[in-house]
Protein backbone atom coordinates (compact mmCIF):
# COMPACT_ATOMS: atom_id res chain seq x y z
CA MET A 1 5.80 51.35 -34.10
CA GLY A 2 8.51 53.43 -32.32
CA PRO A 3 11.13 52.31 -30.85
CA SER A 4 10.89 51.63 -26.35
CA SER A 5 12.83 55.09 -25.17
CA ASP A 6 13.63 53.83 -21.80
CA LEU A 7 14.71 50.56 -22.97
CA LEU A 8 17.04 51.68 -25.33
CA SER A 9 17.99 54.53 -23.15
CA GLY A 10 18.68 51.74 -21.06
CA MET A 11 20.93 50.17 -23.43
CA ARG A 12 23.44 52.87 -24.38
CA LYS A 13 23.71 53.51 -20.66
CA GLU A 14 24.84 50.01 -20.01
CA GLY A 15 27.60 50.54 -23.17
CA ALA A 16 25.58 47.99 -25.27
CA ARG A 17 27.18 48.20 -28.56
CA PRO A 18 25.56 46.27 -31.32
CA GLU A 19 29.14 46.27 -33.48
CA ALA A 20 30.60 44.68 -30.61
CA LEU A 21 27.47 42.18 -29.53
CA ASN A 22 27.23 40.92 -33.53
CA ALA A 23 31.34 39.92 -33.12
CA ALA A 24 31.07 38.98 -29.92
CA ASP A 25 27.92 36.22 -31.26
CA LEU A 26 29.85 34.58 -33.78
CA ALA A 27 32.92 33.35 -31.94
CA HIS A 28 31.46 31.78 -29.09
CA LEU A 29 27.14 31.38 -29.34
CA ILE A 30 25.79 28.34 -31.02
CA HIS A 31 22.70 28.34 -32.36
CA PRO A 32 20.41 25.65 -33.07
CA LEU A 33 19.07 25.70 -36.36
CA THR A 34 20.69 28.68 -37.42
CA ASP A 35 23.39 29.54 -40.63
CA HIS A 36 25.67 30.23 -38.79
CA MET A 37 27.87 32.37 -42.07
CA LYS A 38 24.53 33.70 -43.72
CA LEU A 39 24.62 35.59 -40.12
CA SER A 40 28.11 36.91 -40.45
CA SER A 41 26.75 38.82 -42.92
CA THR A 42 22.93 39.60 -41.61
CA GLY A 43 24.31 39.22 -37.87
CA ALA A 44 22.13 37.94 -34.78
CA GLN A 45 18.55 39.43 -34.06
CA ILE A 46 19.11 41.12 -30.72
CA ALA A 47 16.62 41.86 -28.42
CA VAL A 48 16.97 43.85 -25.85
CA GLY A 49 13.39 44.29 -23.97
CA GLY A 50 9.83 42.86 -24.53
CA GLU A 51 6.49 44.89 -23.88
CA GLY A 52 2.84 42.95 -23.65
CA CYS A 53 3.14 41.48 -27.25
CA GLU A 54 6.26 43.09 -28.29
CA LEU A 55 10.14 42.74 -28.68
CA VAL A 56 12.39 45.60 -28.69
CA MET A 57 15.71 45.26 -30.74
CA ILE A 58 18.66 46.53 -30.53
CA ASP A 59 18.18 48.78 -33.59
CA GLY A 60 14.62 50.35 -31.81
CA GLN A 61 12.78 48.11 -33.95
CA ARG A 62 9.40 46.71 -32.31
CA LEU A 63 8.27 43.46 -33.47
CA LEU A 64 4.74 41.75 -32.97
CA ASP A 65 6.14 38.40 -31.42
CA GLY A 66 3.96 35.89 -33.79
CA LEU A 67 6.04 33.64 -31.95
CA ALA A 68 5.22 33.94 -28.24
CA GLY A 69 9.59 33.62 -28.01
CA LEU A 70 9.12 29.92 -29.28
CA TRP A 71 5.18 28.93 -28.58
CA THR A 72 6.06 29.80 -24.92
CA VAL A 73 5.73 33.73 -23.93
CA ASN A 74 2.27 32.93 -23.62
CA LEU A 75 1.05 35.55 -20.77
CA GLY A 76 3.49 38.34 -23.05
CA TYR A 77 6.69 40.00 -21.54
CA GLY A 78 6.80 42.43 -18.99
CA ARG A 79 4.85 40.69 -15.96
CA GLU A 80 5.43 42.13 -12.70
CA ASP A 81 3.46 39.30 -10.70
CA LEU A 82 6.05 36.65 -12.88
CA VAL A 83 9.33 38.71 -12.33
CA GLU A 84 7.50 39.01 -8.34
CA ALA A 85 7.35 35.46 -7.32
CA ALA A 86 10.40 34.82 -8.58
CA THR A 87 12.24 37.24 -6.91
CA LYS A 88 10.46 36.25 -3.15
CA GLN A 89 11.44 32.87 -3.80
CA MET A 90 14.85 33.73 -4.54
CA LYS A 91 15.21 35.61 -1.56
CA SER A 92 13.88 32.41 0.34
CA LEU A 93 14.85 29.81 -1.54
CA PRO A 94 17.23 29.56 -4.72
CA TYR A 95 17.99 26.26 -5.21
CA CYS A 96 16.27 22.70 -3.24
CA SER A 97 16.85 18.74 -4.44
CA THR A 98 13.97 16.43 -4.61
CA PHE A 99 16.63 13.68 -5.17
CA GLY A 100 16.28 11.51 -2.31
CA GLY A 101 13.25 12.94 -0.94
CA GLY A 102 13.95 16.64 -0.85
CA ALA A 103 11.06 19.22 -1.38
CA SER A 104 9.94 22.73 -1.15
CA ILE A 105 6.84 23.99 -1.00
CA PRO A 106 6.01 25.81 -4.47
CA ALA A 107 6.79 22.53 -5.76
CA ILE A 108 4.79 20.40 -3.75
CA GLU A 109 1.91 23.02 -4.30
CA LEU A 110 2.85 23.02 -8.50
CA ALA A 111 3.06 19.52 -8.33
CA GLU A 112 -0.48 18.78 -6.24
CA ARG A 113 -1.92 21.95 -9.21
CA ILE A 114 -0.69 20.45 -11.70
CA ALA A 115 -2.13 17.00 -10.94
CA GLN A 116 -5.14 17.77 -10.45
CA MET A 117 -5.93 20.25 -13.20
CA THR A 118 -4.75 17.00 -15.81
CA LEU A 119 -4.62 13.04 -14.63
CA GLY A 120 -6.46 13.83 -11.60
CA ALA A 121 -6.27 14.24 -7.87
CA ASP A 122 -4.09 10.60 -7.54
CA SER A 123 -2.27 10.96 -10.04
CA GLY A 124 1.68 11.94 -9.46
CA VAL A 125 4.09 14.71 -11.48
CA PHE A 126 7.91 14.59 -12.44
CA PHE A 127 9.05 17.87 -12.73
CA THR A 128 12.01 18.18 -15.66
CA SER A 129 14.16 21.59 -16.72
CA GLY A 130 12.03 21.34 -20.35
CA GLY A 131 10.28 19.59 -22.95
CA SER A 132 12.44 17.13 -24.42
CA GLU A 133 13.25 16.43 -20.58
CA ALA A 134 9.51 15.66 -20.00
CA ASN A 135 9.48 13.52 -22.97
CA GLU A 136 12.33 11.62 -22.26
CA THR A 137 10.80 11.35 -19.21
CA ALA A 138 8.07 9.47 -19.95
CA ILE A 139 9.41 7.18 -22.30
CA LYS A 140 11.81 6.15 -19.90
CA LEU A 141 9.03 5.52 -17.62
CA ALA A 142 6.89 3.16 -20.34
CA ARG A 143 9.68 0.84 -20.37
CA TYR A 144 10.35 0.40 -17.11
CA TYR A 145 7.02 -0.25 -16.06
CA TRP A 146 6.45 -2.72 -18.29
CA ARG A 147 10.02 -3.80 -17.76
CA ARG A 148 9.49 -4.48 -13.77
CA ASN A 149 6.07 -5.88 -14.08
CA GLY A 150 7.17 -9.15 -16.34
CA TRP A 151 7.19 -7.96 -20.24
CA PRO A 152 10.45 -7.16 -20.74
CA ASP A 153 10.31 -7.09 -24.59
CA LYS A 154 7.30 -4.36 -24.51
CA GLN A 155 10.09 -1.52 -25.51
CA ILE A 156 8.87 -0.35 -29.14
CA VAL A 157 7.49 2.97 -29.37
CA LEU A 158 5.34 4.31 -31.66
CA ALA A 159 5.72 8.24 -32.67
CA HIS A 160 3.97 10.25 -35.66
CA GLU A 161 5.98 11.25 -38.89
CA ARG A 162 6.27 14.76 -38.91
CA ALA A 163 6.18 14.96 -35.48
CA TYR A 164 7.95 16.33 -32.34
CA HIS A 165 9.35 15.42 -29.35
CA GLY A 166 12.65 17.17 -28.22
CA LEU A 167 16.28 16.88 -29.28
CA VAL A 168 17.82 14.38 -26.75
CA GLY A 169 17.76 11.06 -26.27
CA SER A 170 14.83 8.78 -27.31
CA ALA A 171 12.91 12.13 -27.93
CA THR A 172 15.19 12.78 -30.89
CA ALA A 173 14.60 9.31 -31.86
CA ALA A 174 10.36 9.85 -31.98
CA THR A 175 10.77 12.91 -34.16
CA GLY A 176 9.43 12.24 -36.80
CA LEU A 177 11.37 14.90 -39.17
CA ALA A 178 14.11 13.99 -41.00
CA ALA A 179 16.38 17.20 -40.96
CA TYR A 180 16.23 16.46 -36.85
CA ARG A 181 17.35 12.94 -36.98
CA GLN A 182 18.98 12.17 -40.17
CA ASP A 183 22.91 13.01 -39.08
CA PHE A 184 22.87 11.95 -35.10
CA SER A 185 22.52 8.10 -35.36
CA PRO A 186 22.82 5.72 -33.94
CA LEU A 187 19.21 6.32 -32.23
CA ASP A 188 17.05 4.34 -30.08
CA GLU A 189 16.26 1.20 -32.38
CA TYR A 190 13.37 0.70 -31.18
CA VAL A 191 11.18 3.79 -31.63
CA ARG A 192 9.04 3.50 -35.06
CA HIS A 193 7.03 5.86 -36.71
CA VAL A 194 3.47 5.88 -38.01
CA PRO A 195 1.31 8.28 -40.60
CA PRO A 196 0.08 11.45 -38.70
CA PRO A 197 -3.73 12.79 -39.58
CA TYR A 198 -2.06 14.94 -42.06
CA GLN A 199 -5.48 15.64 -43.85
CA TYR A 200 -4.12 17.54 -46.18
CA ARG A 201 -1.67 15.66 -47.55
CA CYS A 202 -3.40 12.14 -46.05
CA SER A 203 -0.76 9.00 -46.83
CA ALA A 204 -4.06 7.46 -47.18
CA GLY A 205 -4.96 9.18 -49.91
CA VAL A 206 -5.82 13.24 -51.05
CA PRO A 207 -8.05 14.62 -50.38
CA CYS A 208 -8.33 12.98 -47.11
CA GLU A 209 -12.35 12.24 -45.70
CA ALA A 210 -11.39 11.84 -41.78
CA GLY A 211 -14.68 9.80 -41.13
CA SER A 212 -13.63 6.72 -43.29
CA CYS A 213 -9.52 7.84 -44.14
CA PRO A 214 -7.60 4.97 -41.87
CA VAL A 215 -4.80 7.05 -40.90
CA CYS A 216 -7.81 9.21 -39.25
CA ARG A 217 -9.20 6.59 -37.81
CA GLY A 218 -6.95 4.83 -35.99
CA GLU A 219 -6.74 2.27 -38.00
CA ALA A 220 -3.40 2.24 -39.15
CA LEU A 221 -2.40 2.69 -36.09
CA GLU A 222 -3.39 -0.67 -34.83
CA GLN A 223 -2.56 -2.67 -37.85
CA ARG A 224 1.18 -1.52 -37.30
CA ILE A 225 0.54 -2.49 -33.46
CA GLU A 226 -0.79 -5.69 -34.81
CA ALA A 227 2.37 -6.04 -37.09
CA LEU A 228 5.04 -5.33 -34.72
CA GLY A 229 2.95 -7.16 -32.13
CA GLU A 230 1.40 -5.78 -28.66
CA GLU A 231 3.81 -7.72 -26.52
CA ASN A 232 6.89 -5.95 -27.92
CA VAL A 233 5.01 -2.04 -28.28
CA ALA A 234 5.50 -0.14 -24.43
CA ALA A 235 3.71 3.42 -25.62
CA VAL A 236 2.13 5.62 -28.42
CA ILE A 237 3.70 9.45 -28.18
CA VAL A 238 1.40 11.91 -30.01
CA GLU A 239 0.85 15.87 -29.96
CA PRO A 240 -2.69 16.33 -29.78
CA VAL A 241 -1.81 19.44 -32.72
CA MET A 242 1.23 18.61 -34.01
CA GLY A 243 3.46 22.04 -33.95
CA ALA A 244 7.16 21.67 -35.83
CA GLY A 245 5.80 19.03 -38.37
CA GLY A 246 3.50 21.85 -40.24
CA VAL A 247 0.86 22.77 -37.21
CA ILE A 248 -1.40 19.37 -38.08
CA VAL A 249 -4.39 19.32 -36.39
CA PRO A 250 -6.14 16.33 -36.14
CA PRO A 251 -10.01 15.57 -37.14
CA ASP A 252 -12.25 15.55 -34.09
CA GLY A 253 -12.57 12.31 -32.46
CA TYR A 254 -8.73 11.55 -34.08
CA LEU A 255 -6.94 10.90 -30.34
CA ALA A 256 -10.25 9.50 -28.71
CA ALA A 257 -9.38 6.59 -31.40
CA VAL A 258 -5.54 6.70 -30.15
CA ARG A 259 -6.70 6.33 -26.56
CA ASP A 260 -9.18 3.06 -27.81
CA VAL A 261 -6.59 1.23 -30.17
CA CYS A 262 -4.03 1.87 -26.63
CA SER A 263 -6.41 0.48 -24.38
CA ARG A 264 -7.24 -1.75 -26.61
CA HIS A 265 -3.76 -3.39 -27.19
CA ASP A 266 -2.00 -2.91 -23.11
CA VAL A 267 0.00 -0.21 -24.64
CA LEU A 268 0.42 3.16 -22.47
CA LEU A 269 -0.88 6.63 -24.20
CA ILE A 270 1.72 9.68 -24.11
CA THR A 271 0.26 13.07 -24.53
CA ASP A 272 3.05 15.20 -25.31
CA GLU A 273 1.52 18.95 -24.33
CA VAL A 274 4.38 21.27 -24.32
CA ILE A 275 3.17 23.03 -26.89
CA THR A 276 -0.25 22.74 -26.14
CA GLY A 277 -0.32 22.75 -22.83
CA PHE A 278 -2.10 25.94 -20.38
CA GLY A 279 -4.55 27.79 -23.25
CA ARG A 280 -3.16 27.64 -26.53
CA THR A 281 -5.58 25.46 -28.20
CA GLY A 282 -8.24 26.80 -26.52
CA ARG A 283 -8.76 24.32 -23.73
CA TRP A 284 -6.13 24.05 -20.66
CA PHE A 285 -4.93 20.98 -22.75
CA GLY A 286 -4.62 19.73 -25.95
CA CYS A 287 -6.24 16.37 -25.05
CA ASP A 288 -9.19 17.85 -23.86
CA ARG A 289 -11.24 18.30 -27.18
CA ASP A 290 -11.74 14.46 -27.32
CA ASP A 291 -11.91 14.63 -23.19
CA VAL A 292 -8.49 11.34 -23.79
CA LYS A 293 -7.24 10.75 -20.65
CA PRO A 294 -3.37 9.32 -21.13
CA ASP A 295 -1.53 7.71 -18.85
CA PHE A 296 1.30 9.85 -19.21
CA LEU A 297 1.08 13.59 -20.54
CA THR A 298 3.63 15.78 -21.00
CA PHE A 299 4.37 20.02 -20.27
CA ALA A 300 6.67 22.73 -20.61
CA LYS A 301 6.63 26.33 -21.98
CA GLY A 302 3.74 27.86 -21.60
CA VAL A 303 3.97 26.81 -17.81
CA THR A 304 5.97 29.37 -16.75
CA SER A 305 5.33 31.35 -19.79
CA GLY A 306 8.73 31.31 -20.69
CA TYR A 307 9.54 32.88 -17.13
CA MET A 308 11.85 30.15 -16.27
CA PRO A 309 12.84 26.98 -17.39
CA LEU A 310 10.75 24.28 -16.09
CA GLY A 311 8.87 20.96 -17.66
CA GLY A 312 7.38 17.68 -16.28
CA ALA A 313 5.74 14.42 -17.05
CA VAL A 314 2.89 13.78 -14.95
CA VAL A 315 1.72 9.87 -14.31
CA SER A 316 -1.46 8.15 -13.90
CA GLY A 317 -2.78 7.53 -10.42
CA GLU A 318 -2.12 3.83 -10.90
CA ILE A 319 1.35 4.22 -12.08
CA TRP A 320 2.02 6.62 -9.29
CA GLU A 321 0.90 4.05 -7.18
CA TRP A 322 2.97 1.53 -8.68
CA LEU A 323 5.94 3.46 -8.61
CA ARG A 324 5.72 4.65 -5.21
CA GLU A 325 5.24 0.61 -4.63
CA SER A 326 8.27 -0.43 -6.11
CA SER A 327 10.69 2.38 -4.68
CA ALA A 328 10.76 0.22 -2.00
CA GLU A 329 12.52 -2.25 -4.14
CA LEU A 330 14.65 -0.24 -6.18
CA PRO A 331 14.32 3.69 -6.07
CA LEU A 332 13.56 5.48 -9.42
CA MET A 333 17.08 5.97 -11.37
CA HIS A 334 15.96 9.01 -12.96
CA GLY A 335 15.89 12.42 -11.99
CA PHE A 336 17.45 15.67 -13.45
CA THR A 337 19.61 19.02 -11.01
CA HIS A 338 16.83 21.42 -11.74
CA GLY A 339 14.12 19.35 -11.42
CA GLY A 340 11.47 20.64 -9.48
CA HIS A 341 13.72 24.16 -8.67
CA PRO A 342 11.78 25.98 -6.35
CA VAL A 343 11.61 29.43 -8.18
CA ALA A 344 11.19 27.90 -11.46
CA CYS A 345 7.79 26.66 -9.24
CA ALA A 346 7.09 29.46 -7.50
CA VAL A 347 6.74 31.12 -11.25
CA ALA A 348 4.48 28.75 -12.63
CA LEU A 349 2.78 28.92 -9.55
CA ALA A 350 1.58 32.72 -9.84
CA CYS A 351 1.52 31.85 -14.20
CA LEU A 352 -1.33 29.13 -13.30
CA ASP A 353 -3.04 32.25 -11.31
CA ALA A 354 -2.88 34.43 -13.92
CA LEU A 355 -4.21 31.84 -16.72
CA GLU A 356 -7.19 31.09 -14.05
CA ASN A 357 -8.04 34.57 -12.63
CA GLU A 358 -7.50 36.43 -16.48
CA ASN A 359 -9.71 33.87 -18.08
CA ILE A 360 -6.81 33.24 -20.89
CA VAL A 361 -8.84 30.11 -22.09
CA GLY A 362 -12.09 31.86 -22.73
CA HIS A 363 -9.97 34.82 -24.61
CA VAL A 364 -7.97 31.97 -26.82
CA GLN A 365 -11.33 30.51 -27.54
CA GLU A 366 -12.57 34.57 -28.51
CA ARG A 367 -9.33 35.27 -30.30
CA GLY A 368 -9.37 32.25 -31.82
CA ARG A 369 -12.28 32.44 -33.56
CA HIS A 370 -11.06 36.00 -34.92
CA LEU A 371 -7.68 34.87 -36.08
CA ALA A 372 -9.57 31.77 -38.01
CA ARG A 373 -11.70 34.18 -39.76
CA GLU A 374 -8.85 36.43 -40.84
CA LEU A 375 -6.64 33.43 -42.11
CA ALA A 376 -9.77 32.42 -44.68
CA GLY A 377 -8.87 35.57 -46.46
CA LEU A 378 -5.48 34.23 -47.65
CA LEU A 379 -6.64 31.56 -49.45
CA ASP A 380 -7.26 34.34 -51.84
CA LEU A 381 -3.70 33.85 -52.27
CA GLU A 382 -2.78 31.52 -55.15
CA GLU A 383 0.46 30.05 -53.12
CA VAL A 384 -1.50 29.46 -49.75
CA GLY A 385 -2.87 25.49 -50.02
CA GLU A 386 -4.53 25.47 -46.73
CA VAL A 387 -4.89 26.98 -43.43
CA ARG A 388 -4.99 25.22 -40.02
CA SER A 389 -5.46 26.73 -36.32
CA GLU A 390 -6.29 25.73 -33.41
CA GLY A 391 -7.16 28.47 -30.56
CA LEU A 392 -4.16 30.36 -31.44
CA VAL A 393 -1.65 28.16 -33.15
CA ALA A 394 -1.86 28.64 -36.67
CA GLY A 395 -0.10 27.13 -39.71
CA VAL A 396 -0.21 28.50 -43.44
CA GLU A 397 1.36 25.88 -46.30
CA LEU A 398 2.73 27.91 -49.29
CA VAL A 399 2.94 25.68 -52.65
CA ALA A 400 3.97 25.95 -56.01
CA ASP A 401 0.42 24.60 -57.33
CA ARG A 402 -2.79 24.77 -55.64
CA GLU A 403 -4.22 22.71 -57.68
CA THR A 404 -1.93 19.53 -57.40
CA ARG A 405 -0.57 20.52 -53.51
CA ALA A 406 3.28 20.26 -55.36
CA ARG A 407 6.00 22.17 -53.49
CA PHE A 408 8.14 24.84 -54.27
CA PRO A 409 12.04 23.73 -54.54
CA ALA A 410 13.94 24.11 -51.51
CA ASP A 411 16.42 26.20 -53.11
CA ARG A 412 13.37 28.74 -53.88
CA ARG A 413 12.99 28.91 -49.87
CA ARG A 414 9.52 30.56 -50.66
CA SER A 415 8.47 30.95 -46.36
CA ALA A 416 12.37 31.62 -45.34
CA GLN A 417 11.61 34.93 -47.96
CA VAL A 418 8.16 35.34 -46.45
CA VAL A 419 9.53 35.36 -42.73
CA GLN A 420 12.28 38.06 -43.44
CA VAL A 421 10.39 40.41 -45.40
CA ALA A 422 7.37 40.15 -42.44
CA GLN A 423 9.88 40.77 -39.80
CA GLU A 424 10.51 44.18 -41.62
CA ARG A 425 7.26 45.28 -41.60
CA GLY A 426 7.13 44.76 -37.90
CA LEU A 427 6.14 41.00 -37.20
CA ARG A 428 8.15 38.03 -36.11
CA ILE A 429 7.01 34.74 -37.58
CA ARG A 430 8.73 31.41 -38.28
CA PRO A 431 9.59 29.33 -41.33
CA LEU A 432 8.08 25.48 -40.83
CA LEU A 433 9.68 22.61 -42.92
CA ASP A 434 8.35 22.50 -46.69
CA ASP A 435 6.92 26.33 -46.51
CA ILE A 436 4.79 26.20 -43.83
CA LEU A 437 4.24 29.55 -42.23
CA LEU A 438 4.05 29.17 -38.64
CA LEU A 439 1.79 31.57 -36.31
CA ALA A 440 1.84 31.17 -32.41
CA PRO A 441 1.27 34.53 -30.32
CA PRO A 442 1.19 35.26 -27.14
CA LEU A 443 -1.96 34.16 -25.81
CA VAL A 444 -2.89 37.73 -24.42
CA ILE A 445 -2.97 39.16 -28.26
CA SER A 446 -5.50 41.15 -29.02
CA ASP A 447 -8.32 40.58 -32.53
CA GLU A 448 -6.36 44.16 -33.25
CA GLN A 449 -2.96 42.56 -33.45
CA LEU A 450 -4.32 39.46 -35.02
CA SER A 451 -5.53 41.30 -37.68
CA PHE A 452 -2.17 42.94 -38.49
CA ALA A 453 -0.26 39.99 -38.22
CA VAL A 454 -2.51 38.34 -40.74
CA GLY A 455 -1.82 41.75 -42.79
CA VAL A 456 1.33 41.75 -43.28
CA ILE A 457 1.70 37.97 -43.87
CA ALA A 458 -0.27 38.60 -46.49
CA GLU A 459 1.84 41.27 -47.71
CA SER A 460 4.87 39.46 -47.26
CA ILE A 461 3.79 36.85 -49.18
CA ILE A 462 2.83 39.25 -52.08
CA ALA A 463 6.31 40.96 -51.72
CA THR A 464 8.01 38.00 -52.44
CA ARG A 465 6.33 36.42 -55.69
């Protein structure tokens, strides 16, 4: 894969110098999840362009983007339809606040469209700038609903251990990965955690049989609600496929069991579709697998394919009707400057058009089957304990001992080494905690590119032994 001459030529004309850019990066740019001391010797990974499923780096290297940016660029790079939608809207109306009844045509049209494709034509949509804000909104609204309806003690929100729901406020507390929480106390004391349906390392015992496992059957969740008292529990928040926690794919029926438990105990259900929404799993939304309708559905990332920041929380028709009526007494005192941004909404509408017109969901189903077959071959490698995938999101869990499922020592940096070698060989992937490799490419990827990606992963595991 050679460099893009047009992109590199443009870069040279603009006078961009890798050395100067790296110096400026080190001096001023704070990167999330980054060892800045190591960065001082390796330099930043500076991208200058993107084409299809590939990134073009400042040194001319082309990388197959096995991360879709950050589970985000679902339609790939260089989509003129999305650029044109943004440009057209910027020229007519670049900004419009939704506070106090303000609205723009793209925001109205997008809210109607997302409502109809998620929780139904009677549901409502609250727009945010991204996924963390969307989950924060859903948690706040769940508590708000109970408090204003005479149940002020229903404050506890239950999330899964290993869950990721964002890094603001209560969403940080709901994130069940210790590394994201340990140095940011005090956090929301009314967020608690329950075991995830992580069959490879199930808290109820290994091997885990989903049909009899109390975690996978929703019994562990129900027992926790009963122990806390349902009069104290406001909501349960769940990812249909757990992303940053290791691409944990729950067994069939798990979400339905969670929905049933929540309904029987008067607990609201929030499904976090920030990663799984808009086709990633081979369905429009991850909760469609169990035909579940939550009380809140949150989204972001793929709604604009990352071309503009946008997220939101969809609320059920019942809750939206109550919010509308209760606003006569007290308006909802919650919002964001860029919520319902007209340019972002215009891009989202164009993105939804593309997803529908190009049958991306069907494409993901076909490519997902090919990916699963390719991933199965990795089990021939002794370091691969398990491979997990749903549509076009996959996790490859590396282990020091396959029989005991023992993990590598943290200082071995097993997955980080694999990721580094993979990038040298033309593939960008990401190490998750506990030596799990993430592959979540653009949804428009081809079978050939998927085979290349899995092949590079195999080669990189072997090369770093």
